Amino acid sequence: MHPIFYYIIVYLIVGAIGMYLANKKQEKHIQLQRWLKYFTYVAITGIVVASIFANLFYVAAIVIIAAGLFEMLKANFSVVITRIQYVIISLFSYFLIAFGFWKFAETFNQAFLLFIYFQVFVFDGFCQITGQLIGKHKLASKISSAKTVEGLAGGWIFCIISAIPSASWIHKSLFIAIMLGLLTGLTSFTGDILGSYFKRLVKIKDYSNLLPGQGGFLDRFGSLMMTGAVYYLLQLVIQF
């Protein structure tokens, strides 16, 4: 069995413990919402990993891109927007990132796709859990009130940690693995905060409710799309 399954199980157990501790003082309905989000995330992770092993990640990418486009169009045109440049900028940014993400899914081999997705999976999950456990300092309150400095730090640290043992999948050194972990954390955060910024412009909480507990496809996969697009760009530039 591929090592990623063991690693994911370990991280899910650690995440579940963190979720339990973070929920102890929360009201019942908040606890239920968080656990729904957790288990939906587990299911999504299983589907994405299965698509990579089946060499069908490009199909998953097309589904994500199509659903994301639907959500972006709905968000832009379901409310009155006083500045048309918001629509133009958001759609142009989306198409640029979506193209890079699709090429990422089409270009890289199975090992590299697993390597990158594993890091994004860890970053997303532990940003949330760390933020819920110890988050006190708001990171970008005008864009997203839920994001904290502690949450970002926790997600980034675990992202780097996850890159180290999985570097052997792509035959990279410890130093390169750490650098890639740093980059993946940066791109994941950028994709997430960019999505939150465009949501703030059109005054919505989630892009849709297509994914129970997660919101929409852009809410869940924005970080992965941005990361994929950046790695495809790097592949074009330096052929790493």
C-alpha atoms as a PDB file:
ATOM      1  CA  MET A   1       0.000   0.000   0.000  1.00  0.00           C
ATOM      2  CA  HIS A   2       1.230   3.483  -0.847  1.00  0.00           C
ATOM      3  CA  PRO A   3       2.589   5.405   2.185  1.00  0.00           C
ATOM      4  CA  ILE A   4       0.161   8.276   1.599  1.00  0.00           C
ATOM      5  CA  PHE A   5      -2.661   6.177   3.034  1.00  0.00           C
ATOM      6  CA  TYR A   6      -0.819   5.695   6.328  1.00  0.00           C
ATOM      7  CA  TYR A   7       0.136   9.356   6.478  1.00  0.00           C
ATOM      8  CA  ILE A   8      -3.405  10.527   5.759  1.00  0.00           C
ATOM      9  CA  ILE A   9      -4.812   8.220   8.433  1.00  0.00           C
ATOM     10  CA  VAL A  10      -2.334   9.603  10.988  1.00  0.00           C
ATOM     11  CA  TYR A  11      -3.163  13.201  10.092  1.00  0.00           C
ATOM     12  CA  LEU A  12      -6.902  12.494  10.174  1.00  0.00           C
ATOM     13  CA  ILE A  13      -6.593  10.986  13.658  1.00  0.00           C
ATOM     14  CA  VAL A  14      -4.542  13.951  14.881  1.00  0.00           C
ATOM     15  CA  GLY A  15      -7.065  16.260  13.219  1.00  0.00           C
ATOM     16  CA  ALA A  16      -9.997  14.487  14.853  1.00  0.00           C
ATOM     17  CA  ILE A  17      -8.348  14.826  18.281  1.00  0.00           C
ATOM     18  CA  GLY A  18      -7.750  18.522  17.616  1.00  0.00           C
ATOM     19  CA  MET A  19     -11.349  18.928  16.489  1.00  0.00           C
ATOM     20  CA  TYR A  20     -12.620  17.217  19.634  1.00  0.00           C
ATOM     21  CA  LEU A  21     -10.548  19.492  21.870  1.00  0.00           C
ATOM     22  CA  ALA A  22     -11.564  22.619  19.946  1.00  0.00           C
ATOM     23  CA  ASN A  23     -15.254  21.669  20.212  1.00  0.00           C
ATOM     24  CA  LYS A  24     -15.373  20.996  23.953  1.00  0.00           C
ATOM     25  CA  LYS A  25     -16.560  24.497  24.838  1.00  0.00           C
ATOM     26  CA  GLN A  26     -18.671  25.094  21.740  1.00  0.00           C
ATOM     27  CA  GLU A  27     -22.434  24.923  21.464  1.00  0.00           C
ATOM     28  CA  LYS A  28     -23.977  21.740  20.133  1.00  0.00           C
ATOM     29  CA  HIS A  29     -24.948  23.101  16.733  1.00  0.00           C
ATOM     30  CA  ILE A  30     -21.427  24.468  16.151  1.00  0.00           C
ATOM     31  CA  GLN A  31     -19.960  21.089  17.091  1.00  0.00           C
ATOM     32  CA  LEU A  32     -22.239  19.359  14.587  1.00  0.00           C
ATOM     33  CA  GLN A  33     -21.333  21.827  11.839  1.00  0.00           C
ATOM     34  CA  ARG A  34     -17.629  21.307  12.438  1.00  0.00           C
ATOM     35  CA  TRP A  35     -17.899  17.516  12.453  1.00  0.00           C
ATOM     36  CA  LEU A  36     -19.944  17.616   9.252  1.00  0.00           C
ATOM     37  CA  LYS A  37     -17.184  19.701   7.687  1.00  0.00           C
ATOM     38  CA  TYR A  38     -14.548  17.265   8.959  1.00  0.00           C
ATOM     39  CA  PHE A  39     -16.212  14.123   7.597  1.00  0.00           C
ATOM     40  CA  THR A  40     -17.052  15.788   4.297  1.00  0.00           C
ATOM     41  CA  TYR A  41     -13.377  16.708   4.041  1.00  0.00           C
ATOM     42  CA  VAL A  42     -12.447  13.062   4.653  1.00  0.00           C
ATOM     43  CA  ALA A  43     -14.781  11.966   1.833  1.00  0.00           C
ATOM     44  CA  ILE A  44     -13.433  14.616  -0.559  1.00  0.00           C
ATOM     45  CA  THR A  45      -9.862  13.588   0.239  1.00  0.00           C
ATOM     46  CA  GLY A  46     -10.690   9.971  -0.543  1.00  0.00           C
ATOM     47  CA  ILE A  47     -12.233  10.900  -3.905  1.00  0.00           C
ATOM     48  CA  VAL A  48      -9.300  13.105  -4.939  1.00  0.00           C
ATOM     49  CA  VAL A  49      -6.671  10.538  -3.933  1.00  0.00           C
ATOM     50  CA  ALA A  50      -8.616   7.780  -5.721  1.00  0.00           C
ATOM     51  CA  SER A  51      -8.760   9.899  -8.887  1.00  0.00           C
ATOM     52  CA  ILE A  52      -4.983  10.368  -8.787  1.00  0.00           C
ATOM     53  CA  PHE A  53      -4.338   6.635  -8.371  1.00  0.00           C
ATOM     54  CA  ALA A  54      -6.757   5.896 -11.215  1.00  0.00           C
ATOM     55  CA  ASN A  55      -4.924   8.445 -13.402  1.00  0.00           C
ATOM     56  CA  LEU A  56      -8.162  10.397 -13.647  1.00  0.00           C
ATOM     57  CA  PHE A  57      -7.179  13.508 -11.750  1.00  0.00           C
ATOM     58  CA  TYR A  58      -7.583  15.545 -14.928  1.00  0.00           C
ATOM     59  CA  VAL A  59     -11.267  14.526 -14.885  1.00  0.00           C
ATOM     60  CA  ALA A  60     -11.574  15.657 -11.265  1.00  0.00           C
ATOM     61  CA  ALA A  61      -9.870  18.920 -12.270  1.00  0.00           C
ATOM     62  CA  ILE A  62     -12.427  19.503 -15.042  1.00  0.00           C
ATOM     63  CA  VAL A  63     -15.293  18.912 -12.598  1.00  0.00           C
ATOM     64  CA  ILE A  64     -13.749  21.305 -10.067  1.00  0.00           C
ATOM     65  CA  ILE A  65     -13.147  23.967 -12.724  1.00  0.00           C
ATOM     66  CA  ALA A  66     -16.656  23.670 -14.172  1.00  0.00           C
ATOM     67  CA  ALA A  67     -18.324  23.800 -10.753  1.00  0.00           C
ATOM     68  CA  GLY A  68     -16.094  26.694  -9.758  1.00  0.00           C
ATOM     69  CA  LEU A  69     -17.017  28.638 -12.886  1.00  0.00           C
ATOM     70  CA  PHE A  70     -20.695  28.133 -12.142  1.00  0.00           C
ATOM     71  CA  GLU A  71     -20.165  29.404  -8.602  1.00  0.00           C
ATOM     72  CA  MET A  72     -18.109  32.379  -9.763  1.00  0.00           C
ATOM     73  CA  LEU A  73     -20.715  33.431 -12.332  1.00  0.00           C
ATOM     74  CA  LYS A  74     -23.528  32.995  -9.834  1.00  0.00           C
ATOM     75  CA  ALA A  75     -21.678  35.044  -7.230  1.00  0.00           C
ATOM     76  CA  ASN A  76     -20.924  37.852  -9.665  1.00  0.00           C
ATOM     77  CA  PHE A  77     -24.351  38.150 -11.231  1.00  0.00           C
ATOM     78  CA  SER A  78     -26.693  37.310  -8.361  1.00  0.00           C
ATOM     79  CA  VAL A  79     -26.069  40.641  -6.644  1.00  0.00           C
ATOM     80  CA  VAL A  80     -25.903  44.220  -7.797  1.00  0.00           C
ATOM     81  CA  ILE A  81     -22.261  45.135  -8.312  1.00  0.00           C
ATOM     82  CA  THR A  82     -21.560  48.833  -8.657  1.00  0.00           C
ATOM     83  CA  ARG A  83     -18.170  48.349 -10.299  1.00  0.00           C
ATOM     84  CA  ILE A  84     -17.972  46.200 -13.411  1.00  0.00           C
ATOM     85  CA  GLN A  85     -14.206  45.905 -12.947  1.00  0.00           C
ATOM     86  CA  TYR A  86     -14.857  43.540 -10.016  1.00  0.00           C
ATOM     87  CA  VAL A  87     -16.548  41.134 -12.397  1.00  0.00           C
ATOM     88  CA  ILE A  88     -13.846  41.454 -15.034  1.00  0.00           C
ATOM     89  CA  ILE A  89     -10.968  41.035 -12.589  1.00  0.00           C
ATOM     90  CA  SER A  90     -12.528  38.079 -10.764  1.00  0.00           C
ATOM     91  CA  LEU A  91     -13.399  36.195 -13.953  1.00  0.00           C
ATOM     92  CA  PHE A  92     -10.032  36.914 -15.578  1.00  0.00           C
ATOM     93  CA  SER A  93      -8.243  35.718 -12.431  1.00  0.00           C
ATOM     94  CA  TYR A  94     -10.399  32.609 -12.305  1.00  0.00           C
ATOM     95  CA  PHE A  95      -9.777  31.620 -15.926  1.00  0.00           C
ATOM     96  CA  LEU A  96      -6.032  32.171 -15.516  1.00  0.00           C
ATOM     97  CA  ILE A  97      -5.850  30.028 -12.367  1.00  0.00           C
ATOM     98  CA  ALA A  98      -8.221  27.405 -13.778  1.00  0.00           C
ATOM     99  CA  PHE A  99      -6.112  27.009 -16.919  1.00  0.00           C
ATOM    100  CA  GLY A 100      -2.950  26.570 -14.862  1.00  0.00           C
ATOM    101  CA  PHE A 101      -4.688  24.059 -12.591  1.00  0.00           C
ATOM    102  CA  TRP A 102      -5.955  22.028 -15.548  1.00  0.00           C
ATOM    103  CA  LYS A 103      -2.454  21.949 -17.071  1.00  0.00           C
ATOM    104  CA  PHE A 104      -1.073  20.938 -13.669  1.00  0.00           C
ATOM    105  CA  ALA A 105      -3.471  17.981 -13.572  1.00  0.00           C
ATOM    106  CA  GLU A 106      -2.588  17.037 -17.141  1.00  0.00           C
ATOM    107  CA  THR A 107       1.190  17.549 -16.963  1.00  0.00           C
ATOM    108  CA  PHE A 108       2.484  16.027 -13.732  1.00  0.00           C
ATOM    109  CA  ASN A 109       2.803  12.342 -12.935  1.00  0.00           C
ATOM    110  CA  GLN A 110       0.969  10.448 -10.215  1.00  0.00           C
ATOM    111  CA  ALA A 111       3.768  10.705  -7.642  1.00  0.00           C
ATOM    112  CA  PHE A 112       4.028  14.491  -7.901  1.00  0.00           C
ATOM    113  CA  LEU A 113       0.254  14.976  -7.813  1.00  0.00           C
ATOM    114  CA  LEU A 114       0.084  12.899  -4.613  1.00  0.00           C
ATOM    115  CA  PHE A 115       3.012  14.817  -3.139  1.00  0.00           C
ATOM    116  CA  ILE A 116       1.372  18.201  -3.728  1.00  0.00           C
ATOM    117  CA  TYR A 117      -2.184  17.202  -2.826  1.00  0.00           C
ATOM    118  CA  PHE A 118      -1.009  15.669   0.438  1.00  0.00           C
ATOM    119  CA  GLN A 119       0.557  18.987   1.437  1.00  0.00           C
ATOM    120  CA  VAL A 120      -2.527  21.013   0.480  1.00  0.00           C
ATOM    121  CA  PHE A 121      -4.730  18.546   2.358  1.00  0.00           C
ATOM    122  CA  VAL A 122      -2.610  18.962   5.482  1.00  0.00           C
ATOM    123  CA  PHE A 123      -2.330  22.743   5.148  1.00  0.00           C
ATOM    124  CA  ASP A 124      -6.086  23.281   4.756  1.00  0.00           C
ATOM    125  CA  GLY A 125      -7.003  20.944   7.580  1.00  0.00           C
ATOM    126  CA  PHE A 126      -4.504  22.171  10.145  1.00  0.00           C
ATOM    127  CA  CYS A 127      -5.054  25.853   9.404  1.00  0.00           C
ATOM    128  CA  GLN A 128      -8.627  25.312  10.538  1.00  0.00           C
ATOM    129  CA  ILE A 129      -7.903  23.052  13.505  1.00  0.00           C
ATOM    130  CA  THR A 130      -4.988  25.118  14.832  1.00  0.00           C
ATOM    131  CA  GLY A 131      -7.034  28.274  14.436  1.00  0.00           C
ATOM    132  CA  GLN A 132      -9.928  26.759  16.378  1.00  0.00           C
ATOM    133  CA  LEU A 133      -7.634  25.532  19.148  1.00  0.00           C
ATOM    134  CA  ILE A 134      -5.340  28.487  19.755  1.00  0.00           C
ATOM    135  CA  GLY A 135      -6.258  31.173  17.237  1.00  0.00           C
ATOM    136  CA  LYS A 136      -6.420  34.625  18.869  1.00  0.00           C
ATOM    137  CA  HIS A 137      -4.880  37.126  16.455  1.00  0.00           C
ATOM    138  CA  LYS A 138      -6.926  37.945  13.362  1.00  0.00           C
ATOM    139  CA  LEU A 139      -4.958  37.636  10.154  1.00  0.00           C
ATOM    140  CA  ALA A 140      -7.113  39.530   7.660  1.00  0.00           C
ATOM    141  CA  SER A 141     -10.277  40.552   9.456  1.00  0.00           C
ATOM    142  CA  LYS A 142     -11.468  42.793   6.620  1.00  0.00           C
ATOM    143  CA  ILE A 143     -11.359  39.844   4.222  1.00  0.00           C
ATOM    144  CA  SER A 144     -12.088  36.802   6.405  1.00  0.00           C
ATOM    145  CA  SER A 145     -12.914  37.023  10.098  1.00  0.00           C
ATOM    146  CA  ALA A 146     -12.186  33.319  10.668  1.00  0.00           C
ATOM    147  CA  LYS A 147      -8.514  33.367   9.647  1.00  0.00           C
ATOM    148  CA  THR A 148      -5.913  33.783  12.375  1.00  0.00           C
ATOM    149  CA  VAL A 149      -2.145  34.122  12.509  1.00  0.00           C
ATOM    150  CA  GLU A 150      -1.958  31.005  14.675  1.00  0.00           C
ATOM    151  CA  GLY A 151      -4.078  29.040  12.214  1.00  0.00           C
ATOM    152  CA  LEU A 152      -1.849  29.991   9.296  1.00  0.00           C
ATOM    153  CA  ALA A 153       1.300  29.180  11.268  1.00  0.00           C
ATOM    154  CA  GLY A 154      -0.050  25.775  12.301  1.00  0.00           C
ATOM    155  CA  GLY A 155      -1.144  24.880   8.786  1.00  0.00           C
ATOM    156  CA  TRP A 156       2.161  25.982   7.304  1.00  0.00           C
ATOM    157  CA  ILE A 157       4.257  24.083   9.858  1.00  0.00           C
ATOM    158  CA  PHE A 158       2.323  20.865   9.308  1.00  0.00           C
ATOM    159  CA  CYS A 159       2.508  21.404   5.544  1.00  0.00           C
ATOM    160  CA  ILE A 160       6.301  21.524   5.710  1.00  0.00           C
ATOM    161  CA  ILE A 161       6.382  18.510   8.017  1.00  0.00           C
ATOM    162  CA  SER A 162       4.228  16.539   5.571  1.00  0.00           C
ATOM    163  CA  ALA A 163       6.560  17.386   2.678  1.00  0.00           C
ATOM    164  CA  ILE A 164       9.600  15.862   4.382  1.00  0.00           C
ATOM    165  CA  PRO A 165       8.647  12.129   4.519  1.00  0.00           C
ATOM    166  CA  SER A 166       6.763  12.318   1.219  1.00  0.00           C
ATOM    167  CA  ALA A 167       9.767  13.779  -0.660  1.00  0.00           C
ATOM    168  CA  SER A 168      10.948  10.240  -1.397  1.00  0.00           C
ATOM    169  CA  TRP A 169       7.926   9.788  -3.670  1.00  0.00           C
ATOM    170  CA  ILE A 170       9.422  12.306  -6.091  1.00  0.00           C
ATOM    171  CA  HIS A 171      13.092  11.610  -5.270  1.00  0.00           C
ATOM    172  CA  LYS A 172      13.888  15.054  -3.866  1.00  0.00           C
ATOM    173  CA  SER A 173      16.345  16.003  -1.123  1.00  0.00           C
ATOM    174  CA  LEU A 174      15.353  17.142   2.362  1.00  0.00           C
ATOM    175  CA  PHE A 175      16.198  20.753   1.498  1.00  0.00           C
ATOM    176  CA  ILE A 176      14.089  20.728  -1.674  1.00  0.00           C
ATOM    177  CA  ALA A 177      11.216  19.104   0.233  1.00  0.00           C
ATOM    178  CA  ILE A 178      11.258  21.878   2.833  1.00  0.00           C
ATOM    179  CA  MET A 179      11.347  24.546   0.114  1.00  0.00           C
ATOM    180  CA  LEU A 180       8.415  22.919  -1.662  1.00  0.00           C
ATOM    181  CA  GLY A 181       6.523  22.696   1.627  1.00  0.00           C
ATOM    182  CA  LEU A 182       7.074  26.416   2.155  1.00  0.00           C
ATOM    183  CA  LEU A 183       5.898  27.161  -1.379  1.00  0.00           C
ATOM    184  CA  THR A 184       2.817  24.959  -1.126  1.00  0.00           C
ATOM    185  CA  GLY A 185       1.810  26.660   2.113  1.00  0.00           C
ATOM    186  CA  LEU A 186       2.212  30.065   0.483  1.00  0.00           C
ATOM    187  CA  THR A 187       0.243  29.185  -2.646  1.00  0.00           C
ATOM    188  CA  SER A 188      -2.491  27.434  -0.667  1.00  0.00           C
ATOM    189  CA  PHE A 189      -2.950  30.462   1.549  1.00  0.00           C
ATOM    190  CA  THR A 190      -2.911  32.797  -1.459  1.00  0.00           C
ATOM    191  CA  GLY A 191      -5.631  30.808  -3.200  1.00  0.00           C
ATOM    192  CA  ASP A 192      -7.735  30.724  -0.050  1.00  0.00           C
ATOM    193  CA  ILE A 193      -7.408  34.423   0.759  1.00  0.00           C
ATOM    194  CA  LEU A 194      -8.031  35.410  -2.867  1.00  0.00           C
ATOM    195  CA  GLY A 195     -11.257  33.432  -2.819  1.00  0.00           C
ATOM    196  CA  SER A 196     -12.274  35.107   0.436  1.00  0.00           C
ATOM    197  CA  TYR A 197     -11.476  38.517  -1.044  1.00  0.00           C
ATOM    198  CA  PHE A 198     -13.771  38.011  -4.028  1.00  0.00           C
ATOM    199  CA  LYS A 199     -16.496  36.711  -1.702  1.00  0.00           C
ATOM    200  CA  ARG A 200     -16.180  39.856   0.360  1.00  0.00           C
ATOM    201  CA  LEU A 201     -16.587  42.001  -2.762  1.00  0.00           C
ATOM    202  CA  VAL A 202     -19.948  40.412  -3.559  1.00  0.00           C
ATOM    203  CA  LYS A 203     -20.926  40.045   0.121  1.00  0.00           C
ATOM    204  CA  ILE A 204     -21.475  36.275   0.327  1.00  0.00           C
ATOM    205  CA  LYS A 205     -20.324  33.770   2.968  1.00  0.00           C
ATOM    206  CA  ASP A 206     -19.834  30.736   0.708  1.00  0.00           C
ATOM    207  CA  TYR A 207     -19.744  30.355  -3.055  1.00  0.00           C
ATOM    208  CA  SER A 208     -22.490  27.709  -2.875  1.00  0.00           C
ATOM    209  CA  ASN A 209     -23.758  24.839  -0.712  1.00  0.00           C
ATOM    210  CA  LEU A 210     -22.825  22.074  -3.149  1.00  0.00           C
ATOM    211  CA  LEU A 211     -20.472  20.424  -0.630  1.00  0.00           C
ATOM    212  CA  PRO A 212     -22.110  19.811   2.779  1.00  0.00           C
ATOM    213  CA  GLY A 213     -20.267  21.621   5.532  1.00  0.00           C
ATOM    214  CA  GLN A 214     -17.678  22.974   3.092  1.00  0.00           C
ATOM    215  CA  GLY A 215     -19.652  25.501   1.101  1.00  0.00           C
ATOM    216  CA  GLY A 216     -18.839  25.402  -2.602  1.00  0.00           C
ATOM    217  CA  PHE A 217     -16.134  23.934  -4.790  1.00  0.00           C
ATOM    218  CA  LEU A 218     -14.217  27.207  -4.734  1.00  0.00           C
ATOM    219  CA  ASP A 219     -14.394  27.283  -0.944  1.00  0.00           C
ATOM    220  CA  ARG A 220     -12.868  23.810  -0.801  1.00  0.00           C
ATOM    221  CA  PHE A 221     -10.537  23.726  -3.800  1.00  0.00           C
ATOM    222  CA  GLY A 222      -9.406  27.340  -4.176  1.00  0.00           C
ATOM    223  CA  SER A 223      -6.111  26.598  -2.427  1.00  0.00           C
ATOM    224  CA  LEU A 224      -5.463  23.492  -4.547  1.00  0.00           C
ATOM    225  CA  MET A 225      -6.260  25.337  -7.783  1.00  0.00           C
ATOM    226  CA  MET A 226      -3.856  28.157  -7.005  1.00  0.00           C
ATOM    227  CA  THR A 227      -1.146  25.712  -5.929  1.00  0.00           C
ATOM    228  CA  GLY A 228      -1.537  23.662  -9.096  1.00  0.00           C
ATOM    229  CA  ALA A 229      -1.398  26.760 -11.281  1.00  0.00           C
ATOM    230  CA  VAL A 230       1.809  27.988  -9.623  1.00  0.00           C
ATOM    231  CA  TYR A 231       3.529  24.615  -9.921  1.00  0.00           C
ATOM    232  CA  TYR A 232       2.611  24.413 -13.590  1.00  0.00           C
ATOM    233  CA  LEU A 233       4.109  27.878 -14.101  1.00  0.00           C
ATOM    234  CA  LEU A 234       7.284  26.780 -12.318  1.00  0.00           C
ATOM    235  CA  GLN A 235       7.448  23.718 -14.546  1.00  0.00           C
ATOM    236  CA  LEU A 236       7.345  25.955 -17.593  1.00  0.00           C
ATOM    237  CA  VAL A 237      10.035  28.266 -16.224  1.00  0.00           C
ATOM    238  CA  ILE A 238      12.590  25.991 -14.575  1.00  0.00           C
ATOM    239  CA  GLN A 239      11.583  22.422 -15.566  1.00  0.00           C
ATOM    240  CA  PHE A 240      12.071  21.094 -12.025  1.00  0.00           C
END
